[in-house]
Amino acid sequence: MSSLPTNQTGSAETWRPWHMPEWLRMLTTRIPADWRDLQTAVADILAQSGFSVQVEKVIQTVRGRAEIDVFGQEAVEGRTYTVLCECKNWAARVVEVGGAW
């Protein structure tokens, strides 16, 4: 697992595109203003990459209904690939409590 670049205080919340390693700048250098802007940017990147995209799609899971911020699908050689993106753009770092879902 790679970590994001940090500032002098060790905080990742104020880094900017010019501080990113080259591999992180390949898709965009635009910093989203909020989570909706991030959601739009993610949808645009997936669409430009050949995925069919739906924003705020409601899906049925084994645990009930879930709204996915960006839902993308692409068919390659008869196989369908699905990408589910939850777009969060918090001002401060969020610490995960509990396990992965």
C-alpha atoms as a PDB file:
ATOM      1  CA  MET A   1       0.000   0.000   0.000  1.00  0.00           C
ATOM      2  CA  SER A   2       1.489   3.331  -1.022  1.00  0.00           C
ATOM      3  CA  SER A   3       1.106   6.495   1.008  1.00  0.00           C
ATOM      4  CA  LEU A   4       0.270   9.982  -0.177  1.00  0.00           C
ATOM      5  CA  PRO A   5       2.904  12.712  -0.041  1.00  0.00           C
ATOM      6  CA  THR A   6       2.838  14.732   3.165  1.00  0.00           C
ATOM      7  CA  ASN A   7       3.799  18.277   4.157  1.00  0.00           C
ATOM      8  CA  GLN A   8       6.453  19.185   6.741  1.00  0.00           C
ATOM      9  CA  THR A   9       4.133  18.380   9.653  1.00  0.00           C
ATOM     10  CA  GLY A  10       3.364  14.928   8.317  1.00  0.00           C
ATOM     11  CA  SER A  11      -0.180  15.866   7.307  1.00  0.00           C
ATOM     12  CA  ALA A  12      -1.491  14.688   3.940  1.00  0.00           C
ATOM     13  CA  GLU A  13      -4.349  17.215   3.930  1.00  0.00           C
ATOM     14  CA  THR A  14      -2.508  20.148   2.285  1.00  0.00           C
ATOM     15  CA  TRP A  15      -0.476  18.509  -0.485  1.00  0.00           C
ATOM     16  CA  ARG A  16      -0.895  19.826  -4.021  1.00  0.00           C
ATOM     17  CA  PRO A  17      -0.520  18.271  -7.485  1.00  0.00           C
ATOM     18  CA  TRP A  18       3.017  19.547  -7.950  1.00  0.00           C
ATOM     19  CA  HIS A  19       3.994  17.538  -4.850  1.00  0.00           C
ATOM     20  CA  MET A  20       2.577  14.341  -6.336  1.00  0.00           C
ATOM     21  CA  PRO A  21       4.810  11.688  -7.826  1.00  0.00           C
ATOM     22  CA  GLU A  22       4.499  11.472 -11.622  1.00  0.00           C
ATOM     23  CA  TRP A  23       2.374   8.301 -11.488  1.00  0.00           C
ATOM     24  CA  LEU A  24      -0.312  10.159  -9.518  1.00  0.00           C
ATOM     25  CA  ARG A  25      -0.417  13.057 -12.001  1.00  0.00           C
ATOM     26  CA  MET A  26      -1.106  10.939 -15.080  1.00  0.00           C
ATOM     27  CA  LEU A  27      -4.899  11.340 -15.047  1.00  0.00           C
ATOM     28  CA  THR A  28      -5.434  14.878 -13.796  1.00  0.00           C
ATOM     29  CA  THR A  29      -3.807  17.652 -11.820  1.00  0.00           C
ATOM     30  CA  ARG A  30      -7.109  19.308 -10.943  1.00  0.00           C
ATOM     31  CA  ILE A  31      -7.949  19.379  -7.240  1.00  0.00           C
ATOM     32  CA  PRO A  32     -11.693  18.935  -6.652  1.00  0.00           C
ATOM     33  CA  ALA A  33     -13.464  21.680  -4.719  1.00  0.00           C
ATOM     34  CA  ASP A  34     -15.736  19.237  -2.866  1.00  0.00           C
ATOM     35  CA  TRP A  35     -17.006  15.660  -3.001  1.00  0.00           C
ATOM     36  CA  ARG A  36     -19.449  16.396  -5.828  1.00  0.00           C
ATOM     37  CA  ASP A  37     -16.641  17.861  -7.922  1.00  0.00           C
ATOM     38  CA  LEU A  38     -14.558  14.773  -7.132  1.00  0.00           C
ATOM     39  CA  GLN A  39     -17.492  12.556  -8.130  1.00  0.00           C
ATOM     40  CA  THR A  40     -17.779  14.380 -11.479  1.00  0.00           C
ATOM     41  CA  ALA A  41     -14.025  14.109 -12.084  1.00  0.00           C
ATOM     42  CA  VAL A  42     -14.029  10.361 -11.349  1.00  0.00           C
ATOM     43  CA  ALA A  43     -17.012   9.839 -13.668  1.00  0.00           C
ATOM     44  CA  ASP A  44     -15.276  11.849 -16.421  1.00  0.00           C
ATOM     45  CA  ILE A  45     -12.044   9.849 -16.096  1.00  0.00           C
ATOM     46  CA  LEU A  46     -13.888   6.528 -16.269  1.00  0.00           C
ATOM     47  CA  ALA A  47     -15.967   7.691 -19.258  1.00  0.00           C
ATOM     48  CA  GLN A  48     -12.842   8.887 -21.076  1.00  0.00           C
ATOM     49  CA  SER A  49     -11.315   5.466 -20.377  1.00  0.00           C
ATOM     50  CA  GLY A  50     -14.150   3.689 -22.182  1.00  0.00           C
ATOM     51  CA  PHE A  51     -16.458   2.817 -19.284  1.00  0.00           C
ATOM     52  CA  SER A  52     -20.195   3.369 -19.334  1.00  0.00           C
ATOM     53  CA  VAL A  53     -20.799   5.469 -16.228  1.00  0.00           C
ATOM     54  CA  GLN A  54     -23.718   6.141 -13.916  1.00  0.00           C
ATOM     55  CA  VAL A  55     -23.537   8.651 -11.075  1.00  0.00           C
ATOM     56  CA  GLU A  56     -25.369   7.994  -7.799  1.00  0.00           C
ATOM     57  CA  LYS A  57     -26.580   4.563  -8.931  1.00  0.00           C
ATOM     58  CA  VAL A  58     -28.641   2.508  -6.492  1.00  0.00           C
ATOM     59  CA  ILE A  59     -27.689  -1.169  -6.491  1.00  0.00           C
ATOM     60  CA  GLN A  60     -29.041  -4.194  -4.629  1.00  0.00           C
ATOM     61  CA  THR A  61     -26.529  -6.028  -2.434  1.00  0.00           C
ATOM     62  CA  VAL A  62     -26.859  -9.037  -0.145  1.00  0.00           C
ATOM     63  CA  ARG A  63     -27.208  -6.553   2.732  1.00  0.00           C
ATOM     64  CA  GLY A  64     -29.817  -4.357   1.042  1.00  0.00           C
ATOM     65  CA  ARG A  65     -29.732  -1.311  -1.192  1.00  0.00           C
ATOM     66  CA  ALA A  66     -26.654   0.876  -1.589  1.00  0.00           C
ATOM     67  CA  GLU A  67     -26.118   4.108  -3.477  1.00  0.00           C
ATOM     68  CA  ILE A  68     -22.818   4.122  -5.332  1.00  0.00           C
ATOM     69  CA  ASP A  69     -21.303   7.538  -6.107  1.00  0.00           C
ATOM     70  CA  VAL A  70     -19.815   6.442  -9.437  1.00  0.00           C
ATOM     71  CA  PHE A  71     -20.635   3.108 -11.085  1.00  0.00           C
ATOM     72  CA  GLY A  72     -18.641   2.176 -14.178  1.00  0.00           C
ATOM     73  CA  GLN A  73     -18.744  -0.860 -16.457  1.00  0.00           C
ATOM     74  CA  GLU A  74     -16.616  -1.863 -19.418  1.00  0.00           C
ATOM     75  CA  ALA A  75     -16.840  -4.984 -21.577  1.00  0.00           C
ATOM     76  CA  VAL A  76     -13.537  -6.318 -22.885  1.00  0.00           C
ATOM     77  CA  GLU A  77     -13.439  -9.459 -25.008  1.00  0.00           C
ATOM     78  CA  GLY A  78     -16.752 -10.728 -23.636  1.00  0.00           C
ATOM     79  CA  ARG A  79     -15.911 -10.082 -19.986  1.00  0.00           C
ATOM     80  CA  THR A  80     -17.587  -7.231 -18.065  1.00  0.00           C
ATOM     81  CA  TYR A  81     -15.510  -5.247 -15.597  1.00  0.00           C
ATOM     82  CA  THR A  82     -17.266  -3.184 -12.939  1.00  0.00           C
ATOM     83  CA  VAL A  83     -15.798  -0.315 -10.914  1.00  0.00           C
ATOM     84  CA  LEU A  84     -17.589   1.065  -7.837  1.00  0.00           C
ATOM     85  CA  CYS A  85     -16.300   4.394  -6.501  1.00  0.00           C
ATOM     86  CA  GLU A  86     -17.259   6.087  -3.260  1.00  0.00           C
ATOM     87  CA  CYS A  87     -16.079   9.697  -3.528  1.00  0.00           C
ATOM     88  CA  LYS A  88     -14.978  11.310  -0.296  1.00  0.00           C
ATOM     89  CA  ASN A  89     -13.133  14.620  -0.135  1.00  0.00           C
ATOM     90  CA  TRP A  90     -12.773  15.487   3.533  1.00  0.00           C
ATOM     91  CA  ALA A  91     -10.743  18.474   4.680  1.00  0.00           C
ATOM     92  CA  ALA A  92      -9.100  16.421   7.433  1.00  0.00           C
ATOM     93  CA  ARG A  93      -7.716  12.914   7.439  1.00  0.00           C
ATOM     94  CA  VAL A  94     -10.281  10.286   8.420  1.00  0.00           C
ATOM     95  CA  VAL A  95      -9.203   7.364  10.564  1.00  0.00           C
ATOM     96  CA  GLU A  96     -10.968   4.085   9.778  1.00  0.00           C
ATOM     97  CA  VAL A  97     -12.545   2.323  12.719  1.00  0.00           C
ATOM     98  CA  GLY A  98     -13.448  -1.326  12.297  1.00  0.00           C
ATOM     99  CA  GLY A  99     -12.759  -3.577   9.353  1.00  0.00           C
ATOM    100  CA  ALA A 100     -13.254  -3.450   5.615  1.00  0.00           C
ATOM    101  CA  TRP A 101     -16.767  -3.958   4.383  1.00  0.00           C
END
